[in-house]
Amino acid sequence: MCSATSNNDLGLTDKDHNCSCGTGAHANAEAPAGSTTVREHYLVDGMTCGHCVSSVTEEITAIDGVESVSVDLNAGGTSRVMVVSSQPISAAQIDAAITEAGYQLAPTS
């Protein structure tokens, strides 16, 4: 049983990186001059394990323009998904991909 102070860290993110986003070393990469890099964060409910992370990552990565996806898994709670793309991706496309993977965006307040 988990204690009340546990954050359910399953070791699926790189904690030894230098970027301030808290989600992975990829965010430190310099973008080539003149290029546009878009980083968007989404909150997703229902993910509990590495397979969930893989499913969501696979569906979002299939969207044109998506360069990378990183997930900060909060097993049994709301997980944070960062999408890095070369162009803006509509929230509807992200929602459809997450739904296709079997999960849902967390409601916004």
Protein backbone atom coordinates (compact mmCIF):
# COMPACT_ATOMS: atom_id res chain seq x y z
CA MET A 1 0.00 0.00 0.00
CA CYS A 2 1.28 3.48 -0.84
CA SER A 3 1.88 6.00 1.91
CA ALA A 4 0.20 9.39 1.77
CA THR A 5 3.52 11.02 0.86
CA SER A 6 4.25 8.75 -2.11
CA ASN A 7 4.13 10.32 -5.57
CA ASN A 8 3.94 6.95 -7.36
CA ASP A 9 7.19 7.62 -9.27
CA LEU A 10 7.76 4.60 -11.49
CA GLY A 11 11.10 5.85 -12.81
CA LEU A 12 9.79 6.57 -16.30
CA THR A 13 11.27 10.06 -16.53
CA ASP A 14 14.88 11.23 -16.54
CA LYS A 15 15.40 13.06 -13.25
CA ASP A 16 19.08 13.86 -14.03
CA HIS A 17 18.61 16.43 -16.74
CA ASN A 18 19.24 20.17 -16.71
CA CYS A 19 16.10 21.61 -18.25
CA SER A 20 13.49 23.38 -16.17
CA CYS A 21 10.48 21.65 -17.72
CA GLY A 22 10.97 18.55 -15.55
CA THR A 23 10.13 16.16 -18.37
CA GLY A 24 13.28 15.23 -20.26
CA ALA A 25 16.63 16.18 -21.72
CA HIS A 26 15.12 16.81 -25.17
CA ALA A 27 13.92 20.22 -24.02
CA ASN A 28 17.54 21.42 -23.72
CA ALA A 29 18.14 20.99 -27.43
CA GLU A 30 18.78 24.21 -29.33
CA ALA A 31 16.32 24.85 -32.14
CA PRO A 32 17.92 25.72 -35.49
CA ALA A 33 17.76 29.42 -36.37
CA GLY A 34 14.49 30.32 -38.06
CA SER A 35 12.69 27.18 -36.90
CA THR A 36 9.61 27.15 -34.74
CA THR A 37 9.35 24.74 -31.85
CA VAL A 38 6.07 24.53 -30.00
CA ARG A 39 5.81 22.95 -26.55
CA GLU A 40 2.36 22.27 -25.14
CA HIS A 41 1.38 20.53 -21.92
CA TYR A 42 -1.77 18.45 -21.46
CA LEU A 43 -3.22 16.73 -18.41
CA VAL A 44 -4.44 13.17 -18.95
CA ASP A 45 -6.51 11.00 -16.63
CA GLY A 46 -6.50 7.21 -16.44
CA MET A 47 -2.88 6.23 -17.11
CA THR A 48 -1.41 3.78 -14.59
CA CYS A 49 1.69 2.18 -16.13
CA GLY A 50 4.38 2.16 -18.81
CA HIS A 51 2.03 0.53 -21.30
CA CYS A 52 -0.37 3.47 -20.87
CA VAL A 53 2.52 5.87 -21.51
CA SER A 54 3.50 3.93 -24.65
CA SER A 55 -0.05 3.96 -26.01
CA VAL A 56 -0.51 7.70 -25.53
CA THR A 57 2.96 8.44 -26.89
CA GLU A 58 2.38 6.31 -30.00
CA GLU A 59 -0.96 7.95 -30.84
CA ILE A 60 0.27 11.53 -30.34
CA THR A 61 3.54 10.89 -32.21
CA ALA A 62 1.49 9.82 -35.27
CA ILE A 63 0.17 13.40 -35.64
CA ASP A 64 1.93 15.34 -38.43
CA GLY A 65 4.41 17.84 -37.02
CA VAL A 66 4.88 16.16 -33.63
CA GLU A 67 8.60 15.79 -32.90
CA SER A 68 8.49 14.24 -29.44
CA VAL A 69 6.19 13.35 -26.58
CA SER A 70 7.16 12.96 -22.95
CA VAL A 71 4.92 11.82 -20.13
CA ASP A 72 5.29 12.52 -16.43
CA LEU A 73 3.25 9.56 -15.21
CA ASN A 74 1.23 9.99 -12.04
CA ALA A 75 -0.09 6.45 -11.71
CA GLY A 76 -3.76 6.49 -10.79
CA GLY A 77 -3.96 10.27 -10.97
CA THR A 78 -3.55 13.01 -13.55
CA SER A 79 -0.42 12.67 -15.70
CA ARG A 80 1.30 15.53 -17.51
CA VAL A 81 2.03 15.06 -21.22
CA MET A 82 4.37 17.43 -23.07
CA VAL A 83 4.15 17.55 -26.84
CA VAL A 84 6.99 19.16 -28.81
CA SER A 85 6.10 19.97 -32.39
CA SER A 86 7.37 21.90 -35.38
CA GLN A 87 3.98 23.61 -35.76
CA PRO A 88 0.96 24.29 -33.58
CA ILE A 89 -1.16 21.16 -33.05
CA SER A 90 -4.84 21.68 -32.31
CA ALA A 91 -6.18 20.59 -28.95
CA ALA A 92 -8.83 18.60 -30.85
CA GLN A 93 -6.10 16.52 -32.55
CA ILE A 94 -4.42 15.84 -29.21
CA ASP A 95 -7.77 14.98 -27.60
CA ALA A 96 -8.59 12.57 -30.45
CA ALA A 97 -5.19 10.85 -30.15
CA ILE A 98 -5.51 10.47 -26.38
CA THR A 99 -9.05 9.13 -26.79
CA GLU A 100 -7.84 6.66 -29.44
CA ALA A 101 -5.24 5.43 -26.95
CA GLY A 102 -8.06 4.80 -24.44
CA TYR A 103 -7.62 7.74 -22.09
CA GLN A 104 -9.04 11.23 -21.68
CA LEU A 105 -7.89 14.77 -21.15
CA ALA A 106 -8.39 15.90 -17.58
CA PRO A 107 -11.18 18.44 -17.15
CA THR A 108 -9.97 22.03 -16.88
CA SER A 109 -11.22 24.26 -14.13
